[in-house]
Amino acid sequence: MVTEISQELKAKAIAKAKQFSQELKAELRQFSWSHGHATRVLSGGAEGGSIALVTRAMRQQRAQLDQTRSSTHKALEGLKFISNGKTNSWNEVENNFYKLAKDRFVHRSDFAKCIG
C-alpha cells in the first residue's frame, strides 16, 4: 500500500514537472534570443508581474544585440576589399597611404581616401 501511494505521488510530481517544463518552453519559444540576463531572471523564478520584467529585459537584450550585429556587419562589409583576391586593393591602400601621409601619419580627414 505504501509503495502504491509512493508511486502515485511520484507520477503526479512527474506530470506537474512535465507540465511546468512545457509551459516554460512555450514562453521561451516566443523569444529566439533566450540567452543572457533575461534567462537568468526567468530561471530565478518568474511569477505574475515579473514576467513583464523578463520580457522587457529580453527586448533590451535583443535591441542591443541588433545594434552590435549591424555595426559589426557594416565594419566587415567595409573591410572586404582587403581579403578580395581578385583585386590588388591592399597595394592601392598602401599607395594611398604613402601619398596622403605626413610624417608617417594620415590625417583623420584623409583616412577615408586612404582606405578607398
C-alpha atoms as a PDB file:
ATOM      1  CA  MET A   1       0.000   0.000   0.000  1.00  0.00           C
ATOM      2  CA  VAL A   2       2.800   2.420   0.855  1.00  0.00           C
ATOM      3  CA  THR A   3       4.515   1.663  -2.432  1.00  0.00           C
ATOM      4  CA  GLU A   4       1.271   2.346  -4.329  1.00  0.00           C
ATOM      5  CA  ILE A   5       0.898   5.765  -2.662  1.00  0.00           C
ATOM      6  CA  SER A   6       4.561   6.492  -3.280  1.00  0.00           C
ATOM      7  CA  GLN A   7       4.195   5.610  -6.963  1.00  0.00           C
ATOM      8  CA  GLU A   8       1.077   7.796  -7.264  1.00  0.00           C
ATOM      9  CA  LEU A   9       2.861  10.757  -5.686  1.00  0.00           C
ATOM     10  CA  LYS A  10       5.855  10.187  -7.934  1.00  0.00           C
ATOM     11  CA  ALA A  11       3.624  10.046 -11.030  1.00  0.00           C
ATOM     12  CA  LYS A  12       1.831  13.267 -10.016  1.00  0.00           C
ATOM     13  CA  ALA A  13       5.130  15.039  -9.379  1.00  0.00           C
ATOM     14  CA  ILE A  14       6.471  13.945 -12.758  1.00  0.00           C
ATOM     15  CA  ALA A  15       3.277  15.081 -14.510  1.00  0.00           C
ATOM     16  CA  LYS A  16       3.456  18.506 -12.833  1.00  0.00           C
ATOM     17  CA  ALA A  17       7.139  18.849 -13.711  1.00  0.00           C
ATOM     18  CA  LYS A  18       6.422  17.980 -17.355  1.00  0.00           C
ATOM     19  CA  GLN A  19       3.562  20.482 -17.491  1.00  0.00           C
ATOM     20  CA  PHE A  20       5.739  23.212 -15.980  1.00  0.00           C
ATOM     21  CA  SER A  21       8.525  22.368 -18.408  1.00  0.00           C
ATOM     22  CA  GLN A  22       6.171  22.585 -21.395  1.00  0.00           C
ATOM     23  CA  GLU A  23       4.762  25.916 -20.230  1.00  0.00           C
ATOM     24  CA  LEU A  24       8.246  27.307 -19.725  1.00  0.00           C
ATOM     25  CA  LYS A  25       9.358  26.102 -23.153  1.00  0.00           C
ATOM     26  CA  ALA A  26       6.295  27.737 -24.722  1.00  0.00           C
ATOM     27  CA  GLU A  27       7.170  31.048 -23.043  1.00  0.00           C
ATOM     28  CA  LEU A  28      10.783  30.862 -24.177  1.00  0.00           C
ATOM     29  CA  ARG A  29       9.820  29.898 -27.728  1.00  0.00           C
ATOM     30  CA  GLN A  30       8.349  33.366 -28.137  1.00  0.00           C
ATOM     31  CA  PHE A  31      11.858  34.768 -27.807  1.00  0.00           C
ATOM     32  CA  SER A  32      14.532  33.443 -30.138  1.00  0.00           C
ATOM     33  CA  TRP A  33      17.184  35.305 -28.163  1.00  0.00           C
ATOM     34  CA  SER A  34      16.582  33.421 -24.917  1.00  0.00           C
ATOM     35  CA  HIS A  35      20.138  33.826 -23.596  1.00  0.00           C
ATOM     36  CA  GLY A  36      21.777  36.100 -21.089  1.00  0.00           C
ATOM     37  CA  HIS A  37      20.278  38.282 -18.373  1.00  0.00           C
ATOM     38  CA  ALA A  38      16.624  37.649 -19.153  1.00  0.00           C
ATOM     39  CA  THR A  39      17.039  33.886 -18.926  1.00  0.00           C
ATOM     40  CA  ARG A  40      18.830  34.223 -15.594  1.00  0.00           C
ATOM     41  CA  VAL A  41      15.924  36.327 -14.329  1.00  0.00           C
ATOM     42  CA  LEU A  42      13.427  33.782 -15.664  1.00  0.00           C
ATOM     43  CA  SER A  43      15.210  30.809 -14.141  1.00  0.00           C
ATOM     44  CA  GLY A  44      15.282  32.630 -10.814  1.00  0.00           C
ATOM     45  CA  GLY A  45      11.509  32.308 -10.654  1.00  0.00           C
ATOM     46  CA  ALA A  46       9.248  34.411 -12.821  1.00  0.00           C
ATOM     47  CA  GLU A  47       5.761  34.802 -11.428  1.00  0.00           C
ATOM     48  CA  GLY A  48       2.969  37.136 -12.424  1.00  0.00           C
ATOM     49  CA  GLY A  49       4.364  40.681 -12.512  1.00  0.00           C
ATOM     50  CA  SER A  50       7.956  39.653 -13.047  1.00  0.00           C
ATOM     51  CA  ILE A  51       7.046  38.234 -16.483  1.00  0.00           C
ATOM     52  CA  ALA A  52       6.832  41.840 -17.678  1.00  0.00           C
ATOM     53  CA  LEU A  53      10.308  42.500 -16.308  1.00  0.00           C
ATOM     54  CA  VAL A  54      11.653  39.417 -18.041  1.00  0.00           C
ATOM     55  CA  THR A  55      10.149  40.344 -21.400  1.00  0.00           C
ATOM     56  CA  ARG A  56      11.462  43.906 -21.031  1.00  0.00           C
ATOM     57  CA  ALA A  57      14.963  42.608 -20.307  1.00  0.00           C
ATOM     58  CA  MET A  58      14.749  40.296 -23.322  1.00  0.00           C
ATOM     59  CA  ARG A  59      13.638  43.150 -25.599  1.00  0.00           C
ATOM     60  CA  GLN A  60      16.510  45.313 -24.377  1.00  0.00           C
ATOM     61  CA  GLN A  61      18.965  42.489 -24.912  1.00  0.00           C
ATOM     62  CA  ARG A  62      17.630  41.882 -28.422  1.00  0.00           C
ATOM     63  CA  ALA A  63      17.911  45.578 -29.302  1.00  0.00           C
ATOM     64  CA  GLN A  64      21.485  45.688 -28.043  1.00  0.00           C
ATOM     65  CA  LEU A  65      22.350  42.552 -29.997  1.00  0.00           C
ATOM     66  CA  ASP A  66      20.834  44.012 -33.180  1.00  0.00           C
ATOM     67  CA  GLN A  67      22.835  47.226 -32.751  1.00  0.00           C
ATOM     68  CA  THR A  68      26.056  45.301 -32.232  1.00  0.00           C
ATOM     69  CA  ARG A  69      25.350  42.965 -35.117  1.00  0.00           C
ATOM     70  CA  SER A  70      24.612  45.772 -37.562  1.00  0.00           C
ATOM     71  CA  SER A  71      27.743  47.698 -36.528  1.00  0.00           C
ATOM     72  CA  THR A  72      29.847  44.593 -36.936  1.00  0.00           C
ATOM     73  CA  HIS A  73      28.219  43.828 -40.274  1.00  0.00           C
ATOM     74  CA  LYS A  74      28.970  47.339 -41.551  1.00  0.00           C
ATOM     75  CA  ALA A  75      32.581  47.082 -40.420  1.00  0.00           C
ATOM     76  CA  LEU A  76      33.062  43.726 -42.122  1.00  0.00           C
ATOM     77  CA  GLU A  77      31.464  44.960 -45.326  1.00  0.00           C
ATOM     78  CA  GLY A  78      33.845  47.905 -45.304  1.00  0.00           C
ATOM     79  CA  LEU A  79      36.883  45.663 -44.909  1.00  0.00           C
ATOM     80  CA  LYS A  80      36.012  43.060 -47.539  1.00  0.00           C
ATOM     81  CA  PHE A  81      38.289  44.746 -50.049  1.00  0.00           C
ATOM     82  CA  ILE A  82      41.360  43.702 -48.042  1.00  0.00           C
ATOM     83  CA  SER A  83      40.730  39.978 -48.438  1.00  0.00           C
ATOM     84  CA  ASN A  84      39.438  40.127 -52.007  1.00  0.00           C
ATOM     85  CA  GLY A  85      41.998  38.184 -54.061  1.00  0.00           C
ATOM     86  CA  LYS A  86      40.743  39.396 -57.439  1.00  0.00           C
ATOM     87  CA  THR A  87      41.948  42.950 -56.993  1.00  0.00           C
ATOM     88  CA  ASN A  88      45.124  44.496 -55.785  1.00  0.00           C
ATOM     89  CA  SER A  89      43.277  46.521 -53.158  1.00  0.00           C
ATOM     90  CA  TRP A  90      45.791  46.292 -50.359  1.00  0.00           C
ATOM     91  CA  ASN A  91      48.514  47.712 -52.611  1.00  0.00           C
ATOM     92  CA  GLU A  92      46.144  50.547 -53.514  1.00  0.00           C
ATOM     93  CA  VAL A  93      45.600  51.294 -49.835  1.00  0.00           C
ATOM     94  CA  GLU A  94      49.335  51.240 -49.223  1.00  0.00           C
ATOM     95  CA  ASN A  95      49.991  53.580 -52.158  1.00  0.00           C
ATOM     96  CA  ASN A  96      47.244  55.934 -50.976  1.00  0.00           C
ATOM     97  CA  PHE A  97      48.782  55.927 -47.510  1.00  0.00           C
ATOM     98  CA  TYR A  98      52.181  56.972 -48.849  1.00  0.00           C
ATOM     99  CA  LYS A  99      50.579  59.729 -50.936  1.00  0.00           C
ATOM    100  CA  LEU A 100      48.481  61.123 -48.071  1.00  0.00           C
ATOM    101  CA  ALA A 101      50.773  60.526 -45.086  1.00  0.00           C
ATOM    102  CA  LYS A 102      52.701  63.331 -43.461  1.00  0.00           C
ATOM    103  CA  ASP A 103      55.393  62.183 -41.018  1.00  0.00           C
ATOM    104  CA  ARG A 104      54.067  58.593 -41.328  1.00  0.00           C
ATOM    105  CA  PHE A 105      50.564  59.615 -40.203  1.00  0.00           C
ATOM    106  CA  VAL A 106      47.371  60.094 -42.185  1.00  0.00           C
ATOM    107  CA  HIS A 107      45.118  62.913 -41.073  1.00  0.00           C
ATOM    108  CA  ARG A 108      41.657  61.886 -39.924  1.00  0.00           C
ATOM    109  CA  SER A 109      40.004  63.736 -42.804  1.00  0.00           C
ATOM    110  CA  ASP A 110      42.162  61.816 -45.325  1.00  0.00           C
ATOM    111  CA  PHE A 111      41.601  58.374 -43.835  1.00  0.00           C
ATOM    112  CA  ALA A 112      38.563  57.569 -45.994  1.00  0.00           C
ATOM    113  CA  LYS A 113      40.554  58.463 -49.112  1.00  0.00           C
ATOM    114  CA  CYS A 114      43.387  56.267 -47.884  1.00  0.00           C
ATOM    115  CA  ILE A 115      41.328  53.102 -47.496  1.00  0.00           C
ATOM    116  CA  GLY A 116      39.393  53.645 -50.668  1.00  0.00           C
END
